Protein backbone atom coordinates (compact mmCIF):
# COMPACT_ATOMS: atom_id res chain seq x y z
CA MET A 1 -3.17 14.33 -33.22
CA CYS A 2 -4.56 14.57 -29.71
CA ARG A 3 -7.30 11.97 -30.26
CA ARG A 4 -9.97 14.24 -28.95
CA TRP A 5 -13.21 15.03 -30.67
CA CYS A 6 -13.48 18.23 -32.73
CA ALA A 7 -15.46 19.70 -35.54
CA GLY A 8 -12.79 18.98 -38.07
CA ARG A 9 -10.07 16.46 -38.55
CA LEU A 10 -7.44 18.79 -36.93
CA CYS A 11 -8.37 20.79 -33.85
CA GLN A 12 -7.20 24.33 -33.20
CA PRO A 13 -5.08 23.58 -30.14
CA CYS A 14 -3.16 20.94 -32.13
CA LEU A 15 -2.74 23.35 -35.03
CA ALA A 16 -1.51 26.05 -32.73
CA ARG A 17 1.01 23.66 -31.24
CA HIS A 18 2.24 21.84 -34.38
CA ALA A 19 1.64 24.46 -37.13
CA PRO A 20 2.66 27.87 -35.77
CA PRO A 21 3.47 30.46 -38.46
CA VAL A 22 7.24 30.80 -38.93
CA GLU A 23 9.52 32.92 -41.04
CA ARG A 24 10.47 31.09 -44.25
CA CYS A 25 12.69 31.82 -47.31
CA LEU A 26 10.42 33.33 -49.94
CA GLN A 27 12.13 31.17 -52.62
CA CYS A 28 12.69 27.70 -51.08
CA ALA A 29 10.46 27.84 -47.98
CA LEU A 30 13.19 26.83 -45.53
CA ARG A 31 12.97 28.19 -42.00
CA LEU A 32 14.69 31.56 -41.45
CA ALA A 33 15.61 33.69 -38.52
CA PRO A 34 13.07 36.48 -37.99
CA GLY A 35 13.50 39.46 -40.33
CA ALA A 36 15.24 37.62 -43.13
CA ALA A 37 13.57 37.30 -46.57
CA ARG A 38 15.69 34.66 -48.28
CA CYS A 39 18.25 32.10 -47.21
CA THR A 40 21.88 32.62 -48.25
CA ALA A 41 21.76 30.10 -51.02
CA CYS A 42 18.61 31.57 -52.66
CA ALA A 43 19.95 35.08 -52.30
CA LEU A 44 23.01 34.07 -54.45
CA ARG A 45 20.91 32.43 -57.14
CA ARG A 46 20.02 34.31 -60.32
CA ASP A 47 18.44 31.55 -62.41
CA ALA A 48 15.89 29.95 -60.08
CA PRO A 49 12.89 28.68 -62.00
CA LEU A 50 10.60 29.15 -58.96
CA GLN A 51 9.83 32.74 -58.13
CA HIS A 52 8.33 31.99 -54.68
CA ALA A 53 7.65 29.03 -52.41
CA VAL A 54 5.56 28.62 -49.30
CA ALA A 55 5.09 25.73 -46.90
CA ALA A 56 2.58 25.26 -44.15
CA VAL A 57 4.59 23.14 -41.84
CA ASP A 58 7.97 21.42 -41.32
CA TYR A 59 8.06 17.75 -42.36
CA GLY A 60 8.25 15.90 -39.05
CA PHE A 61 6.06 14.70 -36.22
CA PRO A 62 3.08 14.64 -36.47
CA TRP A 63 2.82 15.75 -40.06
CA ASP A 64 5.04 12.94 -41.52
CA GLY A 65 2.62 10.25 -40.25
CA LEU A 66 -0.49 12.15 -41.43
CA ILE A 67 0.93 12.82 -44.87
CA THR A 68 2.00 9.23 -45.23
CA GLY A 69 -1.52 8.22 -44.35
CA LEU A 70 -2.92 10.51 -47.09
CA LYS A 71 -0.40 9.31 -49.75
CA PHE A 72 -0.30 5.62 -49.09
CA HIS A 73 -3.31 4.63 -47.01
CA HIS A 74 -6.17 6.47 -48.61
CA ARG A 75 -6.69 8.87 -45.73
CA LEU A 76 -8.58 11.26 -47.98
CA ASP A 77 -10.50 12.37 -44.87
CA LEU A 78 -7.44 14.55 -44.11
CA VAL A 79 -7.52 16.46 -47.40
CA HIS A 80 -9.98 19.19 -46.36
CA ALA A 81 -8.04 20.03 -43.18
CA PHE A 82 -4.68 20.10 -45.11
CA ALA A 83 -6.13 22.26 -47.85
CA ARG A 84 -7.49 24.76 -45.30
CA LEU A 85 -4.10 24.92 -43.65
CA LEU A 86 -2.30 25.46 -47.01
CA HIS A 87 -4.87 28.01 -48.04
CA GLU A 88 -4.24 30.05 -44.79
CA THR A 89 -0.51 29.77 -45.40
CA VAL A 90 -0.74 31.04 -48.93
CA GLN A 91 -2.99 34.00 -47.86
CA ARG A 92 -0.60 34.89 -44.99
CA ALA A 93 2.35 34.92 -47.42
CA GLY A 94 0.76 37.61 -49.52
CA LEU A 95 2.21 36.35 -52.89
CA PRO A 96 1.00 37.71 -56.16
CA GLN A 97 -2.11 35.64 -57.01
CA PRO A 98 -1.63 33.09 -59.77
CA ALA A 99 -4.14 32.65 -62.61
CA LEU A 100 -3.83 28.84 -62.62
CA VAL A 101 -3.19 26.12 -59.99
CA LEU A 102 -1.53 22.87 -61.17
CA PRO A 103 -0.52 19.72 -59.19
CA VAL A 104 2.92 18.22 -59.42
CA PRO A 105 1.82 15.09 -61.42
CA LEU A 106 2.42 11.49 -60.62
CA ALA A 107 3.72 9.01 -63.24
CA ALA A 108 0.88 6.98 -64.81
CA GLN A 109 1.84 3.73 -63.11
CA ARG A 110 1.93 5.35 -59.64
CA LEU A 111 -1.38 7.11 -60.29
CA ARG A 112 -3.02 3.75 -61.24
CA GLU A 113 -1.64 2.15 -58.10
CA ARG A 114 -2.65 4.89 -55.77
CA GLY A 115 -5.91 5.87 -57.44
CA TYR A 116 -5.48 9.52 -56.89
CA ASN A 117 -2.85 12.30 -56.91
CA GLN A 118 -2.68 13.78 -53.40
CA SER A 119 -1.18 17.02 -54.83
CA TRP A 120 -4.28 17.49 -56.93
CA GLU A 121 -6.66 16.71 -54.13
CA LEU A 122 -4.92 19.50 -52.17
CA GLY A 123 -4.46 21.96 -55.09
CA ARG A 124 -8.00 21.90 -56.38
CA ARG A 125 -9.40 22.58 -52.93
CA VAL A 126 -7.03 25.44 -52.22
CA ALA A 127 -7.78 26.92 -55.72
CA ARG A 128 -11.54 26.74 -55.01
CA ARG A 129 -11.10 28.63 -51.75
CA LEU A 130 -9.13 31.36 -53.66
CA GLY A 131 -11.45 31.50 -56.67
CA ILE A 132 -8.58 30.44 -59.00
CA ALA A 133 -8.83 28.03 -61.95
CA ALA A 134 -7.15 24.63 -61.53
CA HIS A 135 -6.36 21.81 -63.91
CA PRO A 136 -5.04 18.31 -63.24
CA SER A 137 -3.47 17.55 -66.61
CA VAL A 138 -1.69 20.54 -68.08
CA LEU A 139 1.59 19.25 -66.69
CA VAL A 140 2.23 15.53 -67.27
CA ARG A 141 4.91 13.23 -65.80
CA ILE A 142 6.32 11.10 -68.57
CA LYS A 143 9.15 9.46 -66.68
CA ASP A 144 8.89 7.60 -63.42
CA THR A 145 12.18 8.66 -61.91
CA ALA A 146 14.25 6.66 -59.37
CA HIS A 147 13.95 7.72 -55.79
CA GLN A 148 15.81 10.94 -54.98
CA LEU A 149 16.91 10.01 -51.49
CA GLY A 150 20.68 9.90 -51.12
CA LEU A 151 21.39 11.74 -54.42
CA ASP A 152 23.37 14.94 -54.51
CA GLU A 153 22.10 18.07 -56.30
CA ALA A 154 23.64 17.22 -59.72
CA GLU A 155 22.46 13.59 -59.54
CA ARG A 156 18.94 14.78 -58.63
CA GLN A 157 18.86 17.12 -61.75
CA ARG A 158 20.10 14.27 -63.99
CA ASN A 159 17.45 11.94 -62.54
CA LEU A 160 14.63 14.40 -63.32
CA LYS A 161 15.83 15.54 -66.69
CA GLY A 162 12.93 15.13 -69.15
CA ALA A 163 10.54 13.92 -66.47
CA PHE A 164 7.75 16.36 -67.32
CA MET A 165 6.02 17.74 -70.37
CA VAL A 166 3.14 20.08 -70.97
CA GLU A 167 0.09 18.54 -72.65
CA PRO A 168 0.31 20.08 -76.18
CA ARG A 169 -3.40 20.63 -76.47
CA LEU A 170 -3.43 22.59 -73.20
CA ALA A 171 -0.22 24.48 -73.67
CA PRO A 172 -2.05 27.66 -74.85
CA ARG A 173 -3.62 28.01 -71.45
CA LEU A 174 -0.17 28.78 -70.01
CA GLN A 175 0.86 31.59 -72.20
CA GLY A 176 1.90 34.66 -70.12
CA LEU A 177 0.31 33.27 -66.98
CA ARG A 178 1.50 33.25 -63.31
CA VAL A 179 1.12 29.55 -62.22
CA ALA A 180 1.10 27.90 -58.80
CA LEU A 181 2.40 24.31 -58.48
CA VAL A 182 1.07 22.37 -55.58
CA ASP A 183 2.81 19.39 -53.87
CA ASP A 184 2.51 17.64 -50.54
CA VAL A 185 6.23 17.64 -49.55
CA MET A 186 9.24 19.51 -50.77
CA THR A 187 12.59 17.88 -49.99
CA SER A 188 15.41 19.27 -52.10
CA GLY A 189 13.18 21.16 -54.48
CA ALA A 190 14.62 19.41 -57.50
CA THR A 191 11.23 17.97 -58.59
CA ALA A 192 9.44 21.30 -58.35
CA GLU A 193 12.24 23.13 -60.10
CA GLU A 194 12.25 20.73 -63.05
CA ALA A 195 8.44 21.11 -63.28
CA ALA A 196 8.76 24.79 -63.14
CA ARG A 197 11.34 24.84 -65.94
CA THR A 198 9.05 22.80 -68.05
CA LEU A 199 6.14 25.17 -67.43
CA ARG A 200 8.23 28.29 -68.19
CA LYS A 201 9.57 26.78 -71.48
CA ALA A 202 5.92 26.15 -72.47
CA GLY A 203 5.01 29.83 -71.94
CA ALA A 204 4.16 30.41 -68.27
CA GLU A 205 5.55 33.78 -67.13
CA GLN A 206 6.14 32.90 -63.52
CA VAL A 207 5.84 29.75 -61.32
CA GLN A 208 5.45 29.65 -57.56
CA LEU A 209 5.26 26.57 -55.33
CA TRP A 210 2.76 25.79 -52.56
CA VAL A 211 3.64 22.78 -50.40
CA LEU A 212 2.03 21.34 -47.28
CA ALA A 213 5.35 20.38 -45.65
CA ARG A 214 9.01 21.32 -46.10
CA THR A 215 11.89 19.04 -44.96
CA ALA A 216 14.83 20.47 -43.08
CA PRO A 217 18.10 20.33 -44.94
CA ALA A 218 19.49 17.56 -42.75
CA ALA A 219 16.42 15.40 -43.54
CA GLY A 220 16.72 15.52 -47.35
CA GLY A 221 19.24 18.09 -48.69
């Protein structure tokens, strides 16, 4: 960010400036005023498929450019620094530790085009730091959905309906487990919630979400 030399890809002064710990809703990871546990919308929900969500940073400068570099320009040199930041965020949140870490999957065509799933690259490194099992293929994306930008909540849910499935041969691994889903960015939460519904229908007891960056409501709903 500052273009200075440092031991890692992100230096401590830049992290202190651009990634300070903030209060976030325990369920959707939006910023909160100090002392609050959940935002108003989450406090009123009774059927949320995600039990908890954490985010390391807000999606904006300088993180938007760095994450775009990772996703679309093969900036895999950033993964270790991002994983360390997400690992520290998960530890600070003090959530119940899951037994299995899974990435939010890409559709097969997008995975072929990109060559890697950035969520898996993040998730497996965080899992290793925590000593938790991780698997890239328990959850599968079977429908390449249209872009979510500009859709309201109901349209997002319809767009994602049936987008995921659990690999039948691996479904027994989910039974009664607490699972963590990992993604790079959370916008509305519709994708993560549909993935969580799929996992819970397949036998997962609880699902939490770990994301690197969370958009503000005005940026994505």
